[in-house]
Amino acid sequence: MTRTLVLIRHAKAEKIHPDGDHERELAERGVADAQALGRWLAEEELAPDLVLVSTATRTRQTADRVLEGAGASDAEQWPDRGIYTHGPEGVLSAVREADPEAGVLWVVGHEPSMSVVTLALADPTTSSGPALAGVRDHFPTATAAVLVVDAPWADLAEGMARLAAVHTARAELG
């Protein structure tokens, strides 16, 4: 079974929060960009079967707005603190524990984890060269990396995916 992994960096957030980094909320620009990213994912027919999301406020808000933009607000979400606290290994661990029946899996997390995991999973011989170069250069807020995987989530390892696309959403603010 071919699976699709969509790694999403949270949208633009406020710089500081009185209760610390974990509680930072989306900025107005972040809300709009997250909804625009959801619309792009819907156009690409990448509605999720499951969403793994960091427990940080900005990632939960991003997941909600991206799902709203994609018309998939009822998608199942699994919060995972390890995505926030354990970096790339936390992301990979969460993916490996995902429901094996999920054909399209989104992970909403942070930098540098999203780019590190994308580059670790992407097979450079089968992946899009421009997409790889883009991830190596910068993984901005409200960006999604789309990886195609031909293995169960539990078996996911370095070089096992094809990076098909990378998209950064920027909404028009009036």
N, C-alpha and C. Protein backbone atom coordinates (compact mmCIF):
# COMPACT_ATOMS: atom_id res chain seq x y z
N MET A 1 0.85 -1.19 0.00
CA MET A 1 0.00 0.00 0.00
C MET A 1 0.89 1.25 0.00
N THR A 2 0.64 2.13 -0.94
CA THR A 2 1.35 3.39 -0.99
C THR A 2 0.70 4.36 -0.01
N ARG A 3 1.54 5.02 0.77
CA ARG A 3 1.06 5.97 1.78
C ARG A 3 1.65 7.35 1.47
N THR A 4 0.99 8.37 1.99
CA THR A 4 1.49 9.73 1.82
C THR A 4 1.66 10.37 3.19
N LEU A 5 2.85 10.88 3.43
CA LEU A 5 3.19 11.58 4.67
C LEU A 5 3.33 13.07 4.34
N VAL A 6 2.57 13.90 5.02
CA VAL A 6 2.63 15.35 4.81
C VAL A 6 3.18 15.96 6.10
N LEU A 7 4.40 16.48 6.01
CA LEU A 7 5.04 17.13 7.16
C LEU A 7 4.79 18.63 7.06
N ILE A 8 4.15 19.20 8.07
CA ILE A 8 3.73 20.60 8.05
C ILE A 8 4.41 21.36 9.18
N ARG A 9 5.06 22.45 8.82
CA ARG A 9 5.57 23.36 9.86
C ARG A 9 4.43 24.30 10.24
N HIS A 10 4.28 24.53 11.54
CA HIS A 10 3.22 25.43 12.01
C HIS A 10 3.30 26.77 11.29
N ALA A 11 2.19 27.47 11.27
CA ALA A 11 2.11 28.79 10.65
C ALA A 11 2.72 29.84 11.59
N LYS A 12 2.83 31.06 11.08
CA LYS A 12 3.46 32.15 11.82
C LYS A 12 2.78 32.37 13.17
N ALA A 13 3.60 32.44 14.20
CA ALA A 13 3.10 32.59 15.57
C ALA A 13 3.61 33.87 16.20
N GLU A 14 2.97 34.24 17.30
CA GLU A 14 3.46 35.39 18.06
C GLU A 14 4.87 35.09 18.55
N LYS A 15 5.67 36.13 18.72
CA LYS A 15 7.08 35.95 19.09
C LYS A 15 7.27 35.43 20.50
N ILE A 16 6.46 35.92 21.42
CA ILE A 16 6.58 35.48 22.81
C ILE A 16 5.20 35.32 23.42
N HIS A 17 5.15 34.56 24.48
CA HIS A 17 3.91 34.41 25.24
C HIS A 17 4.30 34.43 26.71
N PRO A 18 3.52 35.09 27.56
CA PRO A 18 3.87 35.19 28.97
C PRO A 18 4.04 33.83 29.66
N ASP A 19 3.39 32.80 29.15
CA ASP A 19 3.49 31.47 29.76
C ASP A 19 4.52 30.58 29.09
N GLY A 20 5.33 31.14 28.18
CA GLY A 20 6.42 30.38 27.56
C GLY A 20 6.15 29.94 26.14
N ASP A 21 7.18 29.34 25.55
CA ASP A 21 7.17 28.95 24.14
C ASP A 21 6.03 28.00 23.80
N HIS A 22 5.77 27.03 24.65
CA HIS A 22 4.74 26.02 24.36
C HIS A 22 3.37 26.65 24.15
N GLU A 23 3.13 27.80 24.75
CA GLU A 23 1.81 28.45 24.71
C GLU A 23 1.68 29.51 23.63
N ARG A 24 2.73 29.76 22.84
CA ARG A 24 2.64 30.78 21.78
C ARG A 24 1.48 30.47 20.83
N GLU A 25 0.74 31.51 20.46
CA GLU A 25 -0.43 31.37 19.59
C GLU A 25 -0.13 31.86 18.18
N LEU A 26 -0.99 31.47 17.24
CA LEU A 26 -0.84 31.94 15.87
C LEU A 26 -1.09 33.44 15.77
N ALA A 27 -0.30 34.07 14.93
CA ALA A 27 -0.53 35.46 14.57
C ALA A 27 -1.65 35.50 13.52
N GLU A 28 -2.20 36.68 13.27
CA GLU A 28 -3.25 36.82 12.25
C GLU A 28 -2.77 36.27 10.91
N ARG A 29 -1.55 36.59 10.53
CA ARG A 29 -0.96 36.09 9.28
C ARG A 29 -0.92 34.56 9.30
N GLY A 30 -0.59 33.96 10.44
CA GLY A 30 -0.52 32.52 10.55
C GLY A 30 -1.85 31.84 10.34
N VAL A 31 -2.91 32.43 10.87
CA VAL A 31 -4.25 31.88 10.67
C VAL A 31 -4.59 31.85 9.19
N ALA A 32 -4.36 32.96 8.51
CA ALA A 32 -4.68 33.06 7.08
C ALA A 32 -3.81 32.10 6.25
N ASP A 33 -2.52 32.03 6.56
CA ASP A 33 -1.62 31.15 5.81
C ASP A 33 -1.98 29.68 6.02
N ALA A 34 -2.34 29.32 7.25
CA ALA A 34 -2.71 27.93 7.53
C ALA A 34 -3.96 27.54 6.74
N GLN A 35 -4.94 28.43 6.67
CA GLN A 35 -6.14 28.14 5.89
C GLN A 35 -5.80 28.01 4.41
N ALA A 36 -4.90 28.85 3.92
CA ALA A 36 -4.47 28.76 2.52
C ALA A 36 -3.74 27.44 2.25
N LEU A 37 -2.94 27.00 3.21
CA LEU A 37 -2.26 25.71 3.06
C LEU A 37 -3.27 24.58 2.98
N GLY A 38 -4.30 24.66 3.79
CA GLY A 38 -5.36 23.65 3.74
C GLY A 38 -6.04 23.61 2.39
N ARG A 39 -6.29 24.78 1.80
CA ARG A 39 -6.92 24.81 0.48
C ARG A 39 -6.01 24.14 -0.56
N TRP A 40 -4.70 24.40 -0.47
CA TRP A 40 -3.75 23.76 -1.41
C TRP A 40 -3.76 22.25 -1.22
N LEU A 41 -3.73 21.79 0.02
CA LEU A 41 -3.73 20.35 0.27
C LEU A 41 -5.02 19.71 -0.26
N ALA A 42 -6.15 20.40 -0.15
CA ALA A 42 -7.40 19.88 -0.70
C ALA A 42 -7.33 19.80 -2.22
N GLU A 43 -6.78 20.83 -2.86
CA GLU A 43 -6.61 20.82 -4.32
C GLU A 43 -5.73 19.65 -4.77
N GLU A 44 -4.75 19.30 -3.95
CA GLU A 44 -3.84 18.20 -4.26
C GLU A 44 -4.41 16.83 -3.84
N GLU A 45 -5.65 16.85 -3.33
CA GLU A 45 -6.34 15.64 -2.87
C GLU A 45 -5.55 14.92 -1.77
N LEU A 46 -5.10 15.71 -0.80
CA LEU A 46 -4.30 15.19 0.31
C LEU A 46 -5.02 15.35 1.65
N ALA A 47 -6.32 15.13 1.66
CA ALA A 47 -7.06 15.17 2.93
C ALA A 47 -6.53 14.04 3.81
N PRO A 48 -6.36 14.31 5.11
CA PRO A 48 -5.74 13.31 5.99
C PRO A 48 -6.71 12.26 6.49
N ASP A 49 -6.16 11.08 6.69
CA ASP A 49 -6.88 10.04 7.44
C ASP A 49 -6.61 10.21 8.93
N LEU A 50 -5.45 10.80 9.24
CA LEU A 50 -5.04 11.02 10.62
C LEU A 50 -4.06 12.19 10.66
N VAL A 51 -4.15 13.00 11.73
CA VAL A 51 -3.24 14.12 11.93
C VAL A 51 -2.53 13.93 13.26
N LEU A 52 -1.21 13.85 13.21
CA LEU A 52 -0.38 13.84 14.43
C LEU A 52 0.06 15.27 14.65
N VAL A 53 -0.14 15.79 15.86
CA VAL A 53 0.13 17.20 16.08
C VAL A 53 0.86 17.39 17.41
N SER A 54 1.86 18.23 17.37
CA SER A 54 2.56 18.64 18.59
C SER A 54 1.54 19.25 19.55
N THR A 55 1.82 19.15 20.82
CA THR A 55 0.91 19.71 21.83
C THR A 55 1.04 21.22 21.98
N ALA A 56 2.01 21.84 21.33
CA ALA A 56 2.17 23.29 21.43
C ALA A 56 0.93 23.99 20.87
N THR A 57 0.56 25.09 21.47
CA THR A 57 -0.65 25.81 21.07
C THR A 57 -0.62 26.18 19.59
N ARG A 58 0.49 26.71 19.09
CA ARG A 58 0.56 27.16 17.70
C ARG A 58 0.39 26.01 16.71
N THR A 59 0.85 24.81 17.06
CA THR A 59 0.69 23.68 16.15
C THR A 59 -0.75 23.17 16.16
N ARG A 60 -1.36 23.14 17.34
CA ARG A 60 -2.76 22.72 17.41
C ARG A 60 -3.65 23.69 16.65
N GLN A 61 -3.36 25.00 16.80
CA GLN A 61 -4.13 26.00 16.06
C GLN A 61 -3.88 25.88 14.56
N THR A 62 -2.63 25.61 14.17
CA THR A 62 -2.32 25.42 12.76
C THR A 62 -3.09 24.22 12.21
N ALA A 63 -3.05 23.10 12.92
CA ALA A 63 -3.76 21.91 12.46
C ALA A 63 -5.24 22.22 12.25
N ASP A 64 -5.85 22.90 13.21
CA ASP A 64 -7.27 23.23 13.09
C ASP A 64 -7.55 24.11 11.86
N ARG A 65 -6.71 25.12 11.63
CA ARG A 65 -6.94 26.04 10.50
C ARG A 65 -6.63 25.36 9.16
N VAL A 66 -5.60 24.51 9.10
CA VAL A 66 -5.29 23.80 7.86
C VAL A 66 -6.43 22.84 7.53
N LEU A 67 -6.91 22.11 8.54
CA LEU A 67 -8.03 21.21 8.33
C LEU A 67 -9.27 21.97 7.88
N GLU A 68 -9.51 23.12 8.48
CA GLU A 68 -10.65 23.95 8.09
C GLU A 68 -10.51 24.35 6.62
N GLY A 69 -9.33 24.81 6.22
CA GLY A 69 -9.09 25.21 4.83
C GLY A 69 -9.24 24.05 3.86
N ALA A 70 -8.91 22.85 4.32
CA ALA A 70 -9.00 21.66 3.48
C ALA A 70 -10.40 21.06 3.46
N GLY A 71 -11.32 21.61 4.27
CA GLY A 71 -12.65 21.05 4.35
C GLY A 71 -12.67 19.71 5.05
N ALA A 72 -11.73 19.53 5.98
CA ALA A 72 -11.58 18.24 6.67
C ALA A 72 -11.55 18.41 8.18
N SER A 73 -12.34 19.33 8.70
CA SER A 73 -12.32 19.65 10.13
C SER A 73 -12.63 18.46 11.03
N ASP A 74 -13.27 17.45 10.48
CA ASP A 74 -13.63 16.29 11.30
C ASP A 74 -12.54 15.21 11.33
N ALA A 75 -11.39 15.47 10.71
CA ALA A 75 -10.31 14.48 10.70
C ALA A 75 -9.82 14.20 12.12
N GLU A 76 -9.44 12.96 12.35
CA GLU A 76 -8.95 12.56 13.67
C GLU A 76 -7.58 13.17 13.92
N GLN A 77 -7.40 13.74 15.13
CA GLN A 77 -6.12 14.32 15.54
C GLN A 77 -5.59 13.59 16.76
N TRP A 78 -4.30 13.26 16.72
CA TRP A 78 -3.62 12.65 17.87
C TRP A 78 -2.55 13.62 18.35
N PRO A 79 -2.76 14.29 19.49
CA PRO A 79 -1.71 15.15 20.03
C PRO A 79 -0.55 14.29 20.54
N ASP A 80 0.67 14.75 20.31
CA ASP A 80 1.86 14.00 20.73
C ASP A 80 2.92 14.99 21.23
N ARG A 81 3.14 14.99 22.54
CA ARG A 81 4.12 15.93 23.12
C ARG A 81 5.53 15.66 22.61
N GLY A 82 5.83 14.42 22.24
CA GLY A 82 7.15 14.08 21.73
C GLY A 82 7.52 14.82 20.47
N ILE A 83 6.53 15.22 19.68
CA ILE A 83 6.80 16.00 18.47
C ILE A 83 7.40 17.35 18.87
N TYR A 84 6.98 17.87 20.01
CA TYR A 84 7.50 19.15 20.53
C TYR A 84 8.82 18.96 21.28
N THR A 85 8.89 17.95 22.13
CA THR A 85 10.02 17.83 23.06
C THR A 85 11.20 17.00 22.55
N HIS A 86 10.97 16.11 21.59
CA HIS A 86 12.04 15.19 21.20
C HIS A 86 12.55 15.37 19.78
N GLY A 87 12.27 16.50 19.16
CA GLY A 87 12.83 16.82 17.86
C GLY A 87 12.51 15.78 16.79
N PRO A 88 13.44 15.59 15.84
CA PRO A 88 13.20 14.66 14.74
C PRO A 88 12.87 13.24 15.20
N GLU A 89 13.52 12.76 16.24
CA GLU A 89 13.22 11.41 16.73
C GLU A 89 11.80 11.32 17.28
N GLY A 90 11.32 12.39 17.89
CA GLY A 90 9.94 12.42 18.38
C GLY A 90 8.95 12.36 17.23
N VAL A 91 9.27 13.05 16.13
CA VAL A 91 8.41 13.03 14.95
C VAL A 91 8.38 11.62 14.37
N LEU A 92 9.55 11.03 14.16
CA LEU A 92 9.62 9.68 13.58
C LEU A 92 8.94 8.65 14.47
N SER A 93 9.11 8.77 15.76
CA SER A 93 8.47 7.85 16.68
C SER A 93 6.95 7.95 16.57
N ALA A 94 6.43 9.16 16.51
CA ALA A 94 4.98 9.36 16.39
C ALA A 94 4.47 8.75 15.08
N VAL A 95 5.20 8.96 13.99
CA VAL A 95 4.78 8.41 12.70
C VAL A 95 4.78 6.88 12.74
N ARG A 96 5.81 6.30 13.32
CA ARG A 96 5.91 4.84 13.37
C ARG A 96 4.80 4.22 14.21
N GLU A 97 4.22 5.00 15.13
CA GLU A 97 3.14 4.51 15.99
C GLU A 97 1.75 4.84 15.44
N ALA A 98 1.71 5.49 14.28
CA ALA A 98 0.41 5.89 13.70
C ALA A 98 -0.40 4.68 13.28
N ASP A 99 -1.68 4.89 13.17
CA ASP A 99 -2.60 3.86 12.72
C ASP A 99 -2.12 3.31 11.37
N PRO A 100 -1.85 2.02 11.29
CA PRO A 100 -1.35 1.45 10.04
C PRO A 100 -2.33 1.55 8.88
N GLU A 101 -3.60 1.81 9.17
CA GLU A 101 -4.61 1.94 8.11
C GLU A 101 -4.64 3.34 7.50
N ALA A 102 -3.96 4.31 8.12
CA ALA A 102 -3.96 5.68 7.60
C ALA A 102 -3.17 5.73 6.30
N GLY A 103 -3.84 6.11 5.23
CA GLY A 103 -3.18 6.22 3.93
C GLY A 103 -2.53 7.57 3.73
N VAL A 104 -3.15 8.62 4.28
CA VAL A 104 -2.58 9.97 4.23
C VAL A 104 -2.44 10.43 5.68
N LEU A 105 -1.21 10.66 6.06
CA LEU A 105 -0.87 11.05 7.44
C LEU A 105 -0.23 12.42 7.43
N TRP A 106 -0.80 13.33 8.22
CA TRP A 106 -0.19 14.65 8.39
C TRP A 106 0.51 14.69 9.74
N VAL A 107 1.64 15.37 9.79
CA VAL A 107 2.29 15.68 11.05
C VAL A 107 2.48 17.19 11.09
N VAL A 108 1.97 17.83 12.13
CA VAL A 108 2.10 19.28 12.28
C VAL A 108 3.08 19.52 13.42
N GLY A 109 4.23 20.11 13.08
CA GLY A 109 5.29 20.28 14.06
C GLY A 109 6.10 21.54 13.85
N HIS A 110 7.38 21.43 14.16
CA HIS A 110 8.27 22.58 14.30
C HIS A 110 9.53 22.43 13.47
N GLU A 111 10.22 23.54 13.32
CA GLU A 111 11.55 23.54 12.73
C GLU A 111 12.55 23.54 13.88
N PRO A 112 13.68 22.86 13.70
CA PRO A 112 14.17 22.27 12.45
C PRO A 112 13.69 20.83 12.21
N SER A 113 12.84 20.30 13.06
CA SER A 113 12.43 18.90 12.93
C SER A 113 11.81 18.56 11.59
N MET A 114 10.93 19.43 11.08
CA MET A 114 10.24 19.10 9.83
C MET A 114 11.21 18.96 8.67
N SER A 115 12.17 19.88 8.56
CA SER A 115 13.13 19.77 7.45
C SER A 115 14.10 18.62 7.66
N VAL A 116 14.54 18.39 8.89
CA VAL A 116 15.46 17.29 9.17
C VAL A 116 14.81 15.95 8.83
N VAL A 117 13.57 15.76 9.24
CA VAL A 117 12.87 14.50 8.95
C VAL A 117 12.63 14.37 7.45
N THR A 118 12.21 15.44 6.81
CA THR A 118 11.99 15.40 5.36
C THR A 118 13.25 14.94 4.63
N LEU A 119 14.37 15.57 4.95
CA LEU A 119 15.62 15.25 4.27
C LEU A 119 16.12 13.85 4.62
N ALA A 120 15.87 13.40 5.84
CA ALA A 120 16.30 12.05 6.23
C ALA A 120 15.48 10.98 5.51
N LEU A 121 14.19 11.21 5.35
CA LEU A 121 13.33 10.21 4.73
C LEU A 121 13.43 10.20 3.20
N ALA A 122 13.71 11.35 2.61
CA ALA A 122 13.69 11.47 1.16
C ALA A 122 14.87 10.76 0.50
N ASP A 123 14.56 9.87 -0.43
CA ASP A 123 15.57 9.22 -1.25
C ASP A 123 15.98 10.22 -2.33
N PRO A 124 17.24 10.66 -2.33
CA PRO A 124 17.64 11.69 -3.29
C PRO A 124 17.57 11.24 -4.75
N THR A 125 17.58 9.94 -5.00
CA THR A 125 17.55 9.45 -6.38
C THR A 125 16.14 9.44 -6.97
N THR A 126 15.11 9.39 -6.12
CA THR A 126 13.73 9.35 -6.62
C THR A 126 12.94 10.61 -6.31
N SER A 127 13.48 11.46 -5.46
CA SER A 127 12.76 12.66 -5.03
C SER A 127 12.93 13.80 -6.04
N SER A 128 12.00 14.73 -5.97
CA SER A 128 12.07 15.94 -6.79
C SER A 128 13.29 16.77 -6.40
N GLY A 129 14.16 17.01 -7.36
CA GLY A 129 15.36 17.81 -7.11
C GLY A 129 15.05 19.21 -6.61
N PRO A 130 14.12 19.93 -7.28
CA PRO A 130 13.77 21.27 -6.79
C PRO A 130 13.17 21.25 -5.38
N ALA A 131 12.36 20.24 -5.08
CA ALA A 131 11.77 20.15 -3.74
C ALA A 131 12.86 19.92 -2.70
N LEU A 132 13.79 19.01 -2.98
CA LEU A 132 14.90 18.76 -2.06
C LEU A 132 15.71 20.03 -1.84
N ALA A 133 16.03 20.73 -2.92
CA ALA A 133 16.81 21.96 -2.81
C ALA A 133 16.07 23.00 -1.97
N GLY A 134 14.75 23.07 -2.16
CA GLY A 134 13.96 24.02 -1.39
C GLY A 134 13.99 23.72 0.09
N VAL A 135 13.88 22.45 0.46
CA VAL A 135 13.91 22.07 1.87
C VAL A 135 15.29 22.33 2.46
N ARG A 136 16.33 22.04 1.70
CA ARG A 136 17.69 22.30 2.19
C ARG A 136 17.92 23.79 2.42
N ASP A 137 17.29 24.62 1.57
CA ASP A 137 17.49 26.06 1.64
C ASP A 137 16.73 26.68 2.82
N HIS A 138 15.45 26.30 2.98
CA HIS A 138 14.61 26.95 4.01
C HIS A 138 13.28 26.22 4.09
N PHE A 139 12.74 26.06 5.28
CA PHE A 139 11.43 25.43 5.50
C PHE A 139 10.60 26.44 6.28
N PRO A 140 10.00 27.41 5.57
CA PRO A 140 9.29 28.50 6.24
C PRO A 140 8.04 28.05 6.99
N THR A 141 7.46 28.95 7.75
CA THR A 141 6.19 28.66 8.40
C THR A 141 5.14 28.39 7.32
N ALA A 142 4.11 27.62 7.68
CA ALA A 142 3.01 27.26 6.77
C ALA A 142 3.52 26.56 5.51
N THR A 143 4.48 25.66 5.71
CA THR A 143 5.02 24.87 4.60
C THR A 143 4.67 23.40 4.82
N ALA A 144 4.37 22.72 3.72
CA ALA A 144 4.11 21.28 3.74
C ALA A 144 5.07 20.57 2.80
N ALA A 145 5.66 19.48 3.27
CA ALA A 145 6.47 18.60 2.45
C ALA A 145 5.66 17.32 2.25
N VAL A 146 5.50 16.90 1.01
CA VAL A 146 4.69 15.73 0.68
C VAL A 146 5.62 14.59 0.29
N LEU A 147 5.60 13.52 1.11
CA LEU A 147 6.45 12.36 0.88
C LEU A 147 5.60 11.13 0.58
N VAL A 148 5.99 10.37 -0.43
CA VAL A 148 5.28 9.15 -0.80
C VAL A 148 6.09 7.97 -0.27
N VAL A 149 5.41 7.06 0.41
CA VAL A 149 6.07 5.96 1.12
C VAL A 149 5.44 4.64 0.67
N ASP A 150 6.27 3.64 0.39
CA ASP A 150 5.77 2.32 0.00
C ASP A 150 6.02 1.28 1.08
N ALA A 151 5.90 1.68 2.33
CA ALA A 151 6.12 0.77 3.45
C ALA A 151 5.15 1.13 4.57
N PRO A 152 4.91 0.21 5.49
CA PRO A 152 4.08 0.54 6.65
C PRO A 152 4.74 1.64 7.49
N TRP A 153 3.90 2.43 8.16
CA TRP A 153 4.44 3.50 9.01
C TRP A 153 5.44 2.95 10.03
N ALA A 154 5.16 1.80 10.58
CA ALA A 154 6.02 1.21 11.61
C ALA A 154 7.43 0.91 11.09
N ASP A 155 7.58 0.73 9.79
CA ASP A 155 8.87 0.37 9.19
C ASP A 155 9.62 1.56 8.61
N LEU A 156 9.06 2.74 8.70
CA LEU A 156 9.64 3.92 8.06
C LEU A 156 11.06 4.17 8.55
N ALA A 157 11.99 4.34 7.59
CA ALA A 157 13.39 4.57 7.93
C ALA A 157 14.01 5.51 6.89
N GLU A 158 15.22 5.91 7.16
CA GLU A 158 15.96 6.85 6.31
C GLU A 158 15.96 6.40 4.85
N GLY A 159 15.70 7.36 3.96
CA GLY A 159 15.77 7.12 2.53
C GLY A 159 14.63 6.30 1.94
N MET A 160 13.55 6.08 2.70
CA MET A 160 12.47 5.21 2.24
C MET A 160 11.31 5.95 1.56
N ALA A 161 11.43 7.25 1.36
CA ALA A 161 10.32 8.02 0.79
C ALA A 161 10.78 8.78 -0.45
N ARG A 162 9.79 9.17 -1.24
CA ARG A 162 10.04 10.03 -2.38
C ARG A 162 9.41 11.39 -2.06
N LEU A 163 10.24 12.41 -2.01
CA LEU A 163 9.72 13.76 -1.79
C LEU A 163 9.10 14.23 -3.10
N ALA A 164 7.77 14.35 -3.10
CA ALA A 164 7.04 14.68 -4.32
C ALA A 164 6.85 16.18 -4.50
N ALA A 165 6.65 16.90 -3.40
CA ALA A 165 6.35 18.34 -3.50
C ALA A 165 6.61 19.03 -2.17
N VAL A 166 6.87 20.31 -2.28
CA VAL A 166 6.96 21.19 -1.11
C VAL A 166 6.19 22.46 -1.48
N HIS A 167 5.34 22.90 -0.55
CA HIS A 167 4.53 24.09 -0.82
C HIS A 167 4.49 24.98 0.42
N THR A 168 4.71 26.27 0.21
CA THR A 168 4.58 27.27 1.26
C THR A 168 3.38 28.13 0.92
N ALA A 169 2.46 28.26 1.87
CA ALA A 169 1.24 29.04 1.66
C ALA A 169 1.41 30.46 2.19
N ARG A 170 0.99 31.42 1.40
CA ARG A 170 0.96 32.80 1.83
C ARG A 170 -0.36 33.40 1.36
N ALA A 171 -1.24 33.66 2.31
CA ALA A 171 -2.56 34.20 2.00
C ALA A 171 -2.49 35.70 1.77
N GLU A 172 -3.44 36.18 1.02
CA GLU A 172 -3.58 37.62 0.83
C GLU A 172 -4.29 38.20 2.05
N LEU A 173 -3.68 39.15 2.70
CA LEU A 173 -4.34 39.83 3.82
C LEU A 173 -4.79 41.19 3.36
N GLY A 174 -6.05 41.53 3.66
CA GLY A 174 -6.59 42.78 3.17
C GLY A 174 -6.57 43.87 4.11
